[in-house]
Amino acid sequence: MRRDRRVFLAGLIGLGACSGTPPEVARLPEFRGFLSIDPVRYSIEQGADMLTHPGRLTGQPWETARLVQALEFLAIELRNGPRWNVILPMGQLAVPAARREWRDAFGIAADARAQDVIDSLTELRSALAARSPAGAAAALRPPLFTPGGQETLNRLGDPPALPRTTRAMLDARYELTSQSFERRSGHGFIVPLAHGESILKRGFSLPG
């Protein structure tokens, strides 16, 4: 009886191991082969900068596409990267939690894999660089993007307000800055208070 119980438990453990799926990963095309650049730090700094300077996105869908790529990458990397719960304890939670906001804004399917979104937006950027608006619209294919095509391209050219995403990125950037300061000064890491709230209370939003 005891032996049968051990066999049963071993079978359950084996079944659990087989059913487990590896965590999702995402990669940005700009960082392939660049080992000296931290894509997380770069994406946070550049993404926060774009969101706090909305004029840079108006009429420039390729820049909005680059922002969304960074956000999709961070939503996966911060959630699954084991070191970020120490370095970016707030950003690790806040950025993935804001994902629904930017996906709803640009009609990205809720169940889409981040890499599929990133790859489609890479196609869009390449098409726009080649001066092919038709190719750019074709890169935004349903059901990954809804409605897709030219209408989604128009949204990228005139992005709506993303207040939750903006705050999450400001908090993540503040954590990076604080963590770097604490490392240089020799003091322990301190989890910062939410940063950027005053900006949002003054009515900051992306154009829309």
N, C-alpha and C. Protein backbone atom coordinates (compact mmCIF):
# COMPACT_ATOMS: atom_id res chain seq x y z
N MET A 1 0.83 -1.21 0.00
CA MET A 1 0.00 0.00 0.00
C MET A 1 0.87 1.25 0.00
N ARG A 2 1.91 1.24 0.87
CA ARG A 2 2.79 2.41 0.94
C ARG A 2 3.53 2.62 -0.37
N ARG A 3 3.95 1.47 -0.98
CA ARG A 3 4.66 1.56 -2.26
C ARG A 3 3.73 2.12 -3.33
N ASP A 4 2.47 1.66 -3.35
CA ASP A 4 1.51 2.16 -4.34
C ASP A 4 1.30 3.66 -4.19
N ARG A 5 1.29 4.14 -2.92
CA ARG A 5 1.10 5.57 -2.68
C ARG A 5 2.28 6.38 -3.22
N ARG A 6 3.51 5.84 -3.02
CA ARG A 6 4.70 6.54 -3.54
C ARG A 6 4.66 6.61 -5.06
N VAL A 7 4.24 5.52 -5.70
CA VAL A 7 4.15 5.51 -7.16
C VAL A 7 3.12 6.52 -7.63
N PHE A 8 1.99 6.60 -6.91
CA PHE A 8 0.94 7.56 -7.28
C PHE A 8 1.41 8.99 -7.16
N LEU A 9 2.11 9.32 -6.06
CA LEU A 9 2.62 10.66 -5.87
C LEU A 9 3.68 11.00 -6.90
N ALA A 10 4.54 10.03 -7.21
CA ALA A 10 5.56 10.27 -8.23
C ALA A 10 4.92 10.56 -9.58
N GLY A 11 3.81 9.85 -9.86
CA GLY A 11 3.12 10.10 -11.12
C GLY A 11 2.53 11.49 -11.19
N LEU A 12 1.97 11.97 -10.05
CA LEU A 12 1.43 13.32 -10.02
C LEU A 12 2.51 14.36 -10.24
N ILE A 13 3.67 14.17 -9.61
CA ILE A 13 4.78 15.10 -9.78
C ILE A 13 5.24 15.13 -11.22
N GLY A 14 5.35 13.94 -11.83
CA GLY A 14 5.77 13.88 -13.22
C GLY A 14 4.77 14.53 -14.15
N LEU A 15 3.47 14.35 -13.85
CA LEU A 15 2.44 14.97 -14.66
C LEU A 15 2.51 16.48 -14.56
N GLY A 16 2.76 17.00 -13.36
CA GLY A 16 2.89 18.44 -13.18
C GLY A 16 4.07 18.99 -13.93
N ALA A 17 5.19 18.24 -13.93
CA ALA A 17 6.39 18.70 -14.65
C ALA A 17 6.14 18.76 -16.14
N CYS A 18 5.37 17.75 -16.65
CA CYS A 18 5.13 17.71 -18.08
C CYS A 18 4.17 18.82 -18.51
N SER A 19 3.22 19.17 -17.63
CA SER A 19 2.22 20.15 -18.01
C SER A 19 2.71 21.58 -17.89
N GLY A 20 3.82 21.76 -17.17
CA GLY A 20 4.36 23.10 -17.01
C GLY A 20 4.86 23.65 -18.33
N THR A 21 4.62 24.93 -18.58
CA THR A 21 5.09 25.57 -19.81
C THR A 21 6.15 26.59 -19.47
N PRO A 22 7.15 26.72 -20.31
CA PRO A 22 8.20 27.71 -20.03
C PRO A 22 7.65 29.11 -20.07
N PRO A 23 8.23 30.03 -19.30
CA PRO A 23 7.74 31.42 -19.32
C PRO A 23 7.92 32.06 -20.69
N GLU A 24 7.01 32.94 -21.02
CA GLU A 24 7.08 33.65 -22.30
C GLU A 24 8.30 34.57 -22.32
N VAL A 25 8.92 34.67 -23.46
CA VAL A 25 10.06 35.57 -23.63
C VAL A 25 9.77 36.51 -24.79
N ALA A 26 10.45 37.64 -24.79
CA ALA A 26 10.29 38.61 -25.88
C ALA A 26 11.64 39.27 -26.13
N ARG A 27 11.89 39.62 -27.38
CA ARG A 27 13.15 40.25 -27.78
C ARG A 27 12.85 41.44 -28.68
N LEU A 28 13.63 42.48 -28.52
CA LEU A 28 13.51 43.65 -29.38
C LEU A 28 14.54 43.57 -30.50
N PRO A 29 14.15 43.92 -31.73
CA PRO A 29 15.08 43.75 -32.86
C PRO A 29 16.31 44.63 -32.75
N GLU A 30 16.21 45.79 -32.09
CA GLU A 30 17.34 46.71 -32.04
C GLU A 30 18.54 46.17 -31.26
N PHE A 31 18.31 45.19 -30.38
CA PHE A 31 19.37 44.78 -29.46
C PHE A 31 20.00 43.45 -29.81
N ARG A 32 19.68 42.92 -30.95
CA ARG A 32 20.32 41.68 -31.36
C ARG A 32 21.78 41.93 -31.67
N GLY A 33 22.64 41.27 -30.93
CA GLY A 33 24.08 41.43 -31.15
C GLY A 33 24.71 42.55 -30.35
N PHE A 34 23.91 43.33 -29.59
CA PHE A 34 24.46 44.42 -28.78
C PHE A 34 24.45 43.99 -27.31
N LEU A 35 25.52 43.33 -26.88
CA LEU A 35 25.58 42.81 -25.53
C LEU A 35 25.89 43.88 -24.50
N SER A 36 26.39 45.03 -24.95
CA SER A 36 26.79 46.08 -24.01
C SER A 36 25.63 46.99 -23.62
N ILE A 37 24.47 46.82 -24.24
CA ILE A 37 23.32 47.67 -23.96
C ILE A 37 22.28 46.87 -23.20
N ASP A 38 21.79 47.41 -22.10
CA ASP A 38 20.74 46.77 -21.32
C ASP A 38 19.40 47.15 -21.94
N PRO A 39 18.70 46.23 -22.60
CA PRO A 39 17.45 46.59 -23.28
C PRO A 39 16.35 47.02 -22.32
N VAL A 40 16.37 46.52 -21.09
CA VAL A 40 15.34 46.91 -20.12
C VAL A 40 15.53 48.37 -19.71
N ARG A 41 16.74 48.71 -19.33
CA ARG A 41 17.02 50.10 -18.94
C ARG A 41 16.74 51.05 -20.11
N TYR A 42 17.20 50.69 -21.29
CA TYR A 42 16.99 51.53 -22.46
C TYR A 42 15.50 51.71 -22.74
N SER A 43 14.74 50.62 -22.67
CA SER A 43 13.31 50.68 -22.98
C SER A 43 12.55 51.52 -21.96
N ILE A 44 12.93 51.41 -20.70
CA ILE A 44 12.27 52.22 -19.67
C ILE A 44 12.57 53.69 -19.87
N GLU A 45 13.84 54.02 -20.07
CA GLU A 45 14.22 55.43 -20.21
C GLU A 45 13.61 56.04 -21.47
N GLN A 46 13.70 55.33 -22.59
CA GLN A 46 13.17 55.86 -23.84
C GLN A 46 11.64 55.89 -23.83
N GLY A 47 11.02 54.85 -23.27
CA GLY A 47 9.57 54.81 -23.21
C GLY A 47 9.00 55.92 -22.34
N ALA A 48 9.60 56.14 -21.17
CA ALA A 48 9.14 57.22 -20.30
C ALA A 48 9.33 58.57 -20.97
N ASP A 49 10.42 58.72 -21.69
CA ASP A 49 10.67 59.99 -22.38
C ASP A 49 9.63 60.24 -23.46
N MET A 50 9.28 59.22 -24.23
CA MET A 50 8.26 59.38 -25.26
C MET A 50 6.92 59.75 -24.65
N LEU A 51 6.54 59.08 -23.57
CA LEU A 51 5.24 59.32 -22.96
C LEU A 51 5.13 60.69 -22.33
N THR A 52 6.24 61.26 -21.92
CA THR A 52 6.21 62.59 -21.32
C THR A 52 6.47 63.70 -22.32
N HIS A 53 6.67 63.33 -23.58
CA HIS A 53 6.81 64.30 -24.67
C HIS A 53 5.88 63.87 -25.81
N PRO A 54 4.57 63.98 -25.62
CA PRO A 54 3.62 63.42 -26.58
C PRO A 54 3.71 64.01 -27.97
N GLY A 55 4.25 65.22 -28.10
CA GLY A 55 4.37 65.81 -29.43
C GLY A 55 5.27 65.01 -30.35
N ARG A 56 6.16 64.23 -29.77
CA ARG A 56 7.06 63.42 -30.60
C ARG A 56 6.34 62.25 -31.27
N LEU A 57 5.15 61.92 -30.78
CA LEU A 57 4.40 60.79 -31.34
C LEU A 57 3.36 61.21 -32.35
N THR A 58 2.90 62.43 -32.26
CA THR A 58 1.84 62.89 -33.15
C THR A 58 2.31 62.88 -34.61
N GLY A 59 1.56 62.17 -35.44
CA GLY A 59 1.90 62.11 -36.86
C GLY A 59 3.09 61.24 -37.18
N GLN A 60 3.57 60.48 -36.20
CA GLN A 60 4.75 59.63 -36.42
C GLN A 60 4.46 58.21 -35.92
N PRO A 61 3.68 57.46 -36.69
CA PRO A 61 3.29 56.12 -36.23
C PRO A 61 4.47 55.19 -35.99
N TRP A 62 5.59 55.40 -36.66
CA TRP A 62 6.77 54.55 -36.44
C TRP A 62 7.33 54.75 -35.03
N GLU A 63 7.21 55.96 -34.50
CA GLU A 63 7.68 56.20 -33.13
C GLU A 63 6.72 55.57 -32.12
N THR A 64 5.42 55.69 -32.37
CA THR A 64 4.46 55.04 -31.48
C THR A 64 4.64 53.52 -31.53
N ALA A 65 4.91 52.99 -32.72
CA ALA A 65 5.16 51.55 -32.84
C ALA A 65 6.38 51.15 -32.01
N ARG A 66 7.41 51.97 -32.02
CA ARG A 66 8.61 51.68 -31.24
C ARG A 66 8.29 51.70 -29.74
N LEU A 67 7.44 52.64 -29.34
CA LEU A 67 7.02 52.70 -27.94
C LEU A 67 6.26 51.44 -27.54
N VAL A 68 5.31 51.02 -28.37
CA VAL A 68 4.52 49.83 -28.06
C VAL A 68 5.42 48.60 -28.01
N GLN A 69 6.39 48.52 -28.89
CA GLN A 69 7.33 47.40 -28.84
C GLN A 69 8.06 47.36 -27.50
N ALA A 70 8.51 48.51 -27.04
CA ALA A 70 9.21 48.58 -25.75
C ALA A 70 8.29 48.17 -24.61
N LEU A 71 7.04 48.62 -24.66
CA LEU A 71 6.09 48.27 -23.61
C LEU A 71 5.81 46.77 -23.59
N GLU A 72 5.62 46.18 -24.76
CA GLU A 72 5.36 44.74 -24.83
C GLU A 72 6.56 43.95 -24.31
N PHE A 73 7.74 44.37 -24.67
CA PHE A 73 8.96 43.72 -24.19
C PHE A 73 9.05 43.80 -22.67
N LEU A 74 8.81 44.98 -22.12
CA LEU A 74 8.91 45.17 -20.67
C LEU A 74 7.84 44.37 -19.93
N ALA A 75 6.64 44.28 -20.48
CA ALA A 75 5.57 43.54 -19.82
C ALA A 75 5.96 42.09 -19.58
N ILE A 76 6.76 41.53 -20.49
CA ILE A 76 7.21 40.14 -20.34
C ILE A 76 8.48 40.06 -19.51
N GLU A 77 9.46 40.87 -19.84
CA GLU A 77 10.76 40.78 -19.18
C GLU A 77 10.68 41.14 -17.70
N LEU A 78 9.94 42.18 -17.36
CA LEU A 78 9.84 42.57 -15.95
C LEU A 78 9.07 41.54 -15.14
N ARG A 79 8.07 40.92 -15.75
CA ARG A 79 7.27 39.93 -15.03
C ARG A 79 8.03 38.62 -14.84
N ASN A 80 8.80 38.20 -15.83
CA ASN A 80 9.45 36.89 -15.79
C ASN A 80 10.92 36.94 -15.39
N GLY A 81 11.55 38.11 -15.49
CA GLY A 81 12.96 38.22 -15.11
C GLY A 81 13.13 38.18 -13.60
N PRO A 82 13.86 37.22 -13.05
CA PRO A 82 13.92 37.06 -11.59
C PRO A 82 14.57 38.21 -10.85
N ARG A 83 15.41 39.00 -11.50
CA ARG A 83 16.11 40.04 -10.76
C ARG A 83 15.29 41.31 -10.58
N TRP A 84 14.19 41.45 -11.34
CA TRP A 84 13.46 42.71 -11.31
C TRP A 84 12.61 42.89 -10.06
N ASN A 85 12.28 41.80 -9.34
CA ASN A 85 11.52 41.98 -8.11
C ASN A 85 12.36 42.64 -7.03
N VAL A 86 13.69 42.66 -7.21
CA VAL A 86 14.58 43.34 -6.28
C VAL A 86 14.93 44.74 -6.82
N ILE A 87 15.27 44.82 -8.08
CA ILE A 87 15.71 46.08 -8.66
C ILE A 87 14.54 47.01 -8.93
N LEU A 88 13.44 46.45 -9.46
CA LEU A 88 12.27 47.26 -9.83
C LEU A 88 11.01 46.65 -9.23
N PRO A 89 10.87 46.64 -7.93
CA PRO A 89 9.70 45.98 -7.33
C PRO A 89 8.38 46.62 -7.72
N MET A 90 8.36 47.94 -7.92
CA MET A 90 7.12 48.60 -8.35
C MET A 90 6.90 48.42 -9.85
N GLY A 91 7.94 48.66 -10.63
CA GLY A 91 7.83 48.55 -12.08
C GLY A 91 7.48 47.15 -12.52
N GLN A 92 7.97 46.13 -11.81
CA GLN A 92 7.68 44.75 -12.16
C GLN A 92 6.18 44.46 -12.10
N LEU A 93 5.49 45.16 -11.21
CA LEU A 93 4.04 44.98 -11.09
C LEU A 93 3.27 45.98 -11.95
N ALA A 94 3.71 47.23 -11.95
CA ALA A 94 2.92 48.30 -12.57
C ALA A 94 2.91 48.23 -14.09
N VAL A 95 4.04 47.94 -14.71
CA VAL A 95 4.09 47.94 -16.18
C VAL A 95 3.23 46.82 -16.77
N PRO A 96 3.39 45.55 -16.32
CA PRO A 96 2.48 44.52 -16.85
C PRO A 96 1.02 44.81 -16.55
N ALA A 97 0.73 45.42 -15.39
CA ALA A 97 -0.66 45.73 -15.04
C ALA A 97 -1.27 46.77 -15.97
N ALA A 98 -0.44 47.62 -16.57
CA ALA A 98 -0.94 48.65 -17.49
C ALA A 98 -1.10 48.13 -18.91
N ARG A 99 -0.75 46.90 -19.13
CA ARG A 99 -0.75 46.35 -20.49
C ARG A 99 -2.12 46.42 -21.15
N ARG A 100 -3.16 46.16 -20.40
CA ARG A 100 -4.51 46.19 -20.98
C ARG A 100 -4.82 47.56 -21.54
N GLU A 101 -4.33 48.63 -20.88
CA GLU A 101 -4.63 49.98 -21.34
C GLU A 101 -4.06 50.22 -22.73
N TRP A 102 -2.78 49.93 -22.94
CA TRP A 102 -2.21 50.23 -24.26
C TRP A 102 -2.71 49.24 -25.31
N ARG A 103 -3.02 48.00 -24.91
CA ARG A 103 -3.56 47.06 -25.89
C ARG A 103 -4.96 47.47 -26.34
N ASP A 104 -5.79 47.92 -25.40
CA ASP A 104 -7.11 48.41 -25.78
C ASP A 104 -7.00 49.64 -26.68
N ALA A 105 -6.03 50.51 -26.38
CA ALA A 105 -5.89 51.75 -27.14
C ALA A 105 -5.55 51.48 -28.60
N PHE A 106 -4.76 50.44 -28.87
CA PHE A 106 -4.32 50.19 -30.24
C PHE A 106 -4.93 48.93 -30.83
N GLY A 107 -5.94 48.37 -30.16
CA GLY A 107 -6.65 47.23 -30.71
C GLY A 107 -5.83 45.96 -30.81
N ILE A 108 -4.92 45.76 -29.86
CA ILE A 108 -4.10 44.56 -29.84
C ILE A 108 -4.86 43.46 -29.12
N ALA A 109 -4.89 42.27 -29.69
CA ALA A 109 -5.63 41.16 -29.10
C ALA A 109 -5.14 40.88 -27.68
N ALA A 110 -6.08 40.64 -26.78
CA ALA A 110 -5.74 40.44 -25.37
C ALA A 110 -4.86 39.21 -25.16
N ASP A 111 -5.02 38.18 -26.00
CA ASP A 111 -4.25 36.94 -25.83
C ASP A 111 -3.03 36.88 -26.74
N ALA A 112 -2.67 37.97 -27.39
CA ALA A 112 -1.53 37.97 -28.31
C ALA A 112 -0.22 37.79 -27.56
N ARG A 113 0.68 37.05 -28.13
CA ARG A 113 2.02 36.93 -27.57
C ARG A 113 2.80 38.20 -27.89
N ALA A 114 3.57 38.63 -26.92
CA ALA A 114 4.31 39.88 -27.08
C ALA A 114 5.21 39.86 -28.31
N GLN A 115 5.88 38.73 -28.56
CA GLN A 115 6.80 38.68 -29.69
C GLN A 115 6.08 38.83 -31.02
N ASP A 116 4.86 38.31 -31.11
CA ASP A 116 4.09 38.47 -32.34
C ASP A 116 3.77 39.95 -32.58
N VAL A 117 3.42 40.66 -31.51
CA VAL A 117 3.14 42.09 -31.62
C VAL A 117 4.41 42.83 -32.04
N ILE A 118 5.52 42.52 -31.38
CA ILE A 118 6.79 43.17 -31.68
C ILE A 118 7.18 42.94 -33.14
N ASP A 119 7.05 41.70 -33.61
CA ASP A 119 7.45 41.37 -34.98
C ASP A 119 6.58 42.09 -36.00
N SER A 120 5.27 42.18 -35.75
CA SER A 120 4.39 42.89 -36.68
C SER A 120 4.73 44.37 -36.74
N LEU A 121 5.05 44.95 -35.59
CA LEU A 121 5.42 46.37 -35.57
C LEU A 121 6.79 46.61 -36.19
N THR A 122 7.65 45.61 -36.17
CA THR A 122 8.92 45.71 -36.88
C THR A 122 8.67 45.76 -38.39
N GLU A 123 7.72 44.93 -38.86
CA GLU A 123 7.34 44.97 -40.27
C GLU A 123 6.79 46.35 -40.63
N LEU A 124 5.97 46.89 -39.76
CA LEU A 124 5.40 48.22 -40.01
C LEU A 124 6.49 49.28 -40.13
N ARG A 125 7.43 49.27 -39.20
CA ARG A 125 8.50 50.26 -39.22
C ARG A 125 9.36 50.13 -40.48
N SER A 126 9.62 48.88 -40.88
CA SER A 126 10.40 48.67 -42.10
C SER A 126 9.66 49.17 -43.32
N ALA A 127 8.35 48.93 -43.35
CA ALA A 127 7.56 49.39 -44.49
C ALA A 127 7.52 50.91 -44.56
N LEU A 128 7.37 51.57 -43.41
CA LEU A 128 7.36 53.03 -43.41
C LEU A 128 8.73 53.59 -43.79
N ALA A 129 9.79 52.92 -43.36
CA ALA A 129 11.13 53.36 -43.74
C ALA A 129 11.34 53.25 -45.25
N ALA A 130 10.66 52.26 -45.86
CA ALA A 130 10.74 52.06 -47.32
C ALA A 130 9.69 52.89 -48.05
N ARG A 131 8.99 53.80 -47.33
CA ARG A 131 7.96 54.66 -47.90
C ARG A 131 6.84 53.84 -48.55
N SER A 132 6.39 52.84 -47.79
CA SER A 132 5.30 51.99 -48.28
C SER A 132 4.16 51.99 -47.27
N PRO A 133 3.27 52.98 -47.31
CA PRO A 133 2.13 53.01 -46.38
C PRO A 133 1.25 51.77 -46.50
N ALA A 134 1.11 51.25 -47.72
CA ALA A 134 0.29 50.05 -47.91
C ALA A 134 0.92 48.86 -47.19
N GLY A 135 2.24 48.76 -47.26
CA GLY A 135 2.93 47.68 -46.57
C GLY A 135 2.82 47.82 -45.06
N ALA A 136 2.84 49.06 -44.58
CA ALA A 136 2.69 49.31 -43.15
C ALA A 136 1.32 48.87 -42.67
N ALA A 137 0.27 49.24 -43.43
CA ALA A 137 -1.08 48.84 -43.05
C ALA A 137 -1.23 47.32 -43.10
N ALA A 138 -0.60 46.68 -44.07
CA ALA A 138 -0.70 45.23 -44.20
C ALA A 138 -0.03 44.51 -43.04
N ALA A 139 0.94 45.15 -42.40
CA ALA A 139 1.62 44.53 -41.25
C ALA A 139 0.72 44.43 -40.03
N LEU A 140 -0.35 45.23 -40.00
CA LEU A 140 -1.26 45.27 -38.85
C LEU A 140 -2.45 44.36 -39.13
N ARG A 141 -2.18 43.07 -39.13
CA ARG A 141 -3.18 42.10 -39.56
C ARG A 141 -4.10 41.67 -38.41
N PRO A 142 -5.42 41.59 -38.69
CA PRO A 142 -6.31 40.95 -37.72
C PRO A 142 -6.08 39.43 -37.75
N PRO A 143 -6.34 38.71 -36.67
CA PRO A 143 -6.93 39.18 -35.42
C PRO A 143 -5.90 39.73 -34.42
N LEU A 144 -4.63 39.78 -34.80
CA LEU A 144 -3.63 40.33 -33.88
C LEU A 144 -3.96 41.78 -33.56
N PHE A 145 -4.36 42.53 -34.60
CA PHE A 145 -4.79 43.92 -34.42
C PHE A 145 -6.24 44.05 -34.89
N THR A 146 -7.05 44.75 -34.13
CA THR A 146 -8.44 44.99 -34.47
C THR A 146 -8.72 46.50 -34.42
N PRO A 147 -9.27 47.05 -35.48
CA PRO A 147 -9.68 46.40 -36.72
C PRO A 147 -8.52 46.07 -37.66
N GLY A 148 -7.34 46.59 -37.35
CA GLY A 148 -6.19 46.32 -38.20
C GLY A 148 -6.09 47.26 -39.37
N GLY A 149 -5.05 47.07 -40.18
CA GLY A 149 -4.90 47.83 -41.40
C GLY A 149 -4.75 49.33 -41.17
N GLN A 150 -5.34 50.10 -42.06
CA GLN A 150 -5.18 51.55 -42.05
C GLN A 150 -5.75 52.19 -40.80
N GLU A 151 -6.84 51.67 -40.26
CA GLU A 151 -7.43 52.28 -39.07
C GLU A 151 -6.49 52.17 -37.87
N THR A 152 -5.87 51.02 -37.71
CA THR A 152 -4.90 50.88 -36.62
C THR A 152 -3.68 51.75 -36.87
N LEU A 153 -3.27 51.86 -38.11
CA LEU A 153 -2.15 52.74 -38.45
C LEU A 153 -2.49 54.18 -38.08
N ASN A 154 -3.74 54.59 -38.32
CA ASN A 154 -4.17 55.94 -37.93
C ASN A 154 -4.08 56.14 -36.42
N ARG A 155 -4.44 55.12 -35.66
CA ARG A 155 -4.35 55.22 -34.20
C ARG A 155 -2.90 55.40 -33.76
N LEU A 156 -2.00 54.71 -34.41
CA LEU A 156 -0.58 54.85 -34.07
C LEU A 156 -0.08 56.24 -34.39
N GLY A 157 -0.66 56.86 -35.41
CA GLY A 157 -0.26 58.21 -35.77
C GLY A 157 -0.89 59.28 -34.89
N ASP A 158 -1.93 58.93 -34.16
CA ASP A 158 -2.62 59.88 -33.28
C ASP A 158 -3.01 59.15 -32.00
N PRO A 159 -2.01 58.80 -31.18
CA PRO A 159 -2.27 57.93 -30.02
C PRO A 159 -3.12 58.60 -28.96
N PRO A 160 -3.99 57.81 -28.31
CA PRO A 160 -4.84 58.36 -27.26
C PRO A 160 -4.08 58.48 -25.94
N ALA A 161 -4.76 59.01 -24.93
CA ALA A 161 -4.15 59.14 -23.61
C ALA A 161 -3.87 57.77 -23.00
N LEU A 162 -2.72 57.64 -22.35
CA LEU A 162 -2.34 56.40 -21.67
C LEU A 162 -1.87 56.74 -20.25
N PRO A 163 -2.77 57.23 -19.41
CA PRO A 163 -2.32 57.70 -18.09
C PRO A 163 -1.74 56.61 -17.20
N ARG A 164 -2.35 55.42 -17.21
CA ARG A 164 -1.84 54.36 -16.35
C ARG A 164 -0.47 53.88 -16.83
N THR A 165 -0.33 53.76 -18.13
CA THR A 165 0.96 53.35 -18.70
C THR A 165 2.02 54.39 -18.40
N THR A 166 1.66 55.65 -18.54
CA THR A 166 2.61 56.73 -18.28
C THR A 166 3.10 56.68 -16.84
N ARG A 167 2.17 56.53 -15.91
CA ARG A 167 2.57 56.49 -14.51
C ARG A 167 3.46 55.28 -14.22
N ALA A 168 3.10 54.13 -14.78
CA ALA A 168 3.91 52.93 -14.56
C ALA A 168 5.34 53.12 -15.05
N MET A 169 5.48 53.75 -16.21
CA MET A 169 6.82 53.95 -16.77
C MET A 169 7.60 55.01 -15.99
N LEU A 170 6.91 56.03 -15.51
CA LEU A 170 7.58 57.03 -14.67
C LEU A 170 8.07 56.40 -13.37
N ASP A 171 7.24 55.55 -12.78
CA ASP A 171 7.65 54.87 -11.56
C ASP A 171 8.86 53.96 -11.81
N ALA A 172 8.82 53.23 -12.93
CA ALA A 172 9.93 52.34 -13.25
C ALA A 172 11.21 53.13 -13.48
N ARG A 173 11.10 54.26 -14.18
CA ARG A 173 12.29 55.09 -14.41
C ARG A 173 12.82 55.65 -13.10
N TYR A 174 11.93 56.05 -12.21
CA TYR A 174 12.35 56.59 -10.92
C TYR A 174 13.07 55.51 -10.11
N GLU A 175 12.55 54.29 -10.18
CA GLU A 175 13.22 53.18 -9.48
C GLU A 175 14.62 52.94 -10.03
N LEU A 176 14.75 52.98 -11.35
CA LEU A 176 16.07 52.80 -11.95
C LEU A 176 17.03 53.88 -11.47
N THR A 177 16.57 55.12 -11.48
CA THR A 177 17.41 56.24 -11.05
C THR A 177 17.79 56.09 -9.58
N SER A 178 16.83 55.74 -8.74
CA SER A 178 17.09 55.58 -7.31
C SER A 178 18.03 54.42 -7.05
N GLN A 179 17.83 53.32 -7.78
CA GLN A 179 18.68 52.15 -7.59
C GLN A 179 20.11 52.46 -7.99
N SER A 180 20.29 53.20 -9.08
CA SER A 180 21.64 53.56 -9.52
C SER A 180 22.30 54.49 -8.52
N PHE A 181 21.51 55.43 -7.96
CA PHE A 181 22.06 56.35 -6.97
C PHE A 181 22.47 55.62 -5.71
N GLU A 182 21.63 54.69 -5.26
CA GLU A 182 21.95 53.95 -4.04
C GLU A 182 23.20 53.10 -4.24
N ARG A 183 23.35 52.54 -5.45
CA ARG A 183 24.53 51.72 -5.71
C ARG A 183 25.79 52.58 -5.70
N ARG A 184 25.72 53.78 -6.29
CA ARG A 184 26.89 54.65 -6.33
C ARG A 184 27.24 55.19 -4.96
N SER A 185 26.21 55.47 -4.14
CA SER A 185 26.46 56.08 -2.84
C SER A 185 26.81 55.06 -1.78
N GLY A 186 26.56 53.79 -2.05
CA GLY A 186 26.88 52.75 -1.08
C GLY A 186 25.78 52.49 -0.08
N HIS A 187 24.65 53.17 -0.21
CA HIS A 187 23.54 52.94 0.70
C HIS A 187 22.67 51.79 0.16
N GLY A 188 21.82 51.27 1.05
CA GLY A 188 20.93 50.20 0.65
C GLY A 188 19.88 50.69 -0.31
N PHE A 189 19.31 49.77 -1.07
CA PHE A 189 18.26 50.13 -2.01
C PHE A 189 16.99 50.49 -1.26
N ILE A 190 16.37 51.59 -1.66
CA ILE A 190 15.14 52.06 -1.03
C ILE A 190 14.04 52.05 -2.08
N VAL A 191 12.92 51.41 -1.76
CA VAL A 191 11.79 51.41 -2.68
C VAL A 191 11.17 52.79 -2.69
N PRO A 192 11.15 53.50 -3.82
CA PRO A 192 10.64 54.87 -3.86
C PRO A 192 9.12 54.94 -3.83
N LEU A 193 8.60 56.08 -3.44
CA LEU A 193 7.18 56.32 -3.53
C LEU A 193 6.80 56.52 -4.99
N ALA A 194 5.53 56.40 -5.28
CA ALA A 194 5.06 56.59 -6.66
C ALA A 194 5.50 57.95 -7.16
N HIS A 195 6.07 57.96 -8.36
CA HIS A 195 6.61 59.19 -8.93
C HIS A 195 5.80 59.58 -10.15
N GLY A 196 5.66 60.84 -10.37
CA GLY A 196 4.96 61.30 -11.57
C GLY A 196 3.51 61.63 -11.33
N GLU A 197 3.02 61.43 -10.10
CA GLU A 197 1.61 61.70 -9.85
C GLU A 197 1.27 63.17 -10.07
N SER A 198 2.22 64.04 -9.70
CA SER A 198 1.94 65.47 -9.86
C SER A 198 1.77 65.84 -11.33
N ILE A 199 2.54 65.17 -12.19
CA ILE A 199 2.41 65.44 -13.62
C ILE A 199 1.03 65.06 -14.11
N LEU A 200 0.58 63.86 -13.67
CA LEU A 200 -0.71 63.39 -14.13
C LEU A 200 -1.84 64.24 -13.57
N LYS A 201 -1.69 64.71 -12.33
CA LYS A 201 -2.73 65.54 -11.73
C LYS A 201 -2.86 66.88 -12.45
N ARG A 202 -1.78 67.31 -13.11
CA ARG A 202 -1.85 68.57 -13.85
C ARG A 202 -2.53 68.37 -15.20
N GLY A 203 -2.95 67.14 -15.47
CA GLY A 203 -3.74 66.92 -16.69
C GLY A 203 -2.93 66.42 -17.85
N PHE A 204 -1.72 65.83 -17.62
CA PHE A 204 -0.93 65.31 -18.73
C PHE A 204 -1.65 64.16 -19.41
N SER A 205 -1.63 64.18 -20.71
CA SER A 205 -2.14 63.05 -21.48
C SER A 205 -1.54 63.13 -22.86
N LEU A 206 -1.55 61.97 -23.52
CA LEU A 206 -1.13 61.95 -24.92
C LEU A 206 -2.23 62.55 -25.76
N PRO A 207 -1.91 63.05 -26.92
CA PRO A 207 -2.93 63.65 -27.78
C PRO A 207 -3.92 62.60 -28.24
N GLY A 208 -5.11 62.96 -28.39
CA GLY A 208 -6.11 62.03 -28.87
C GLY A 208 -7.41 62.76 -29.14
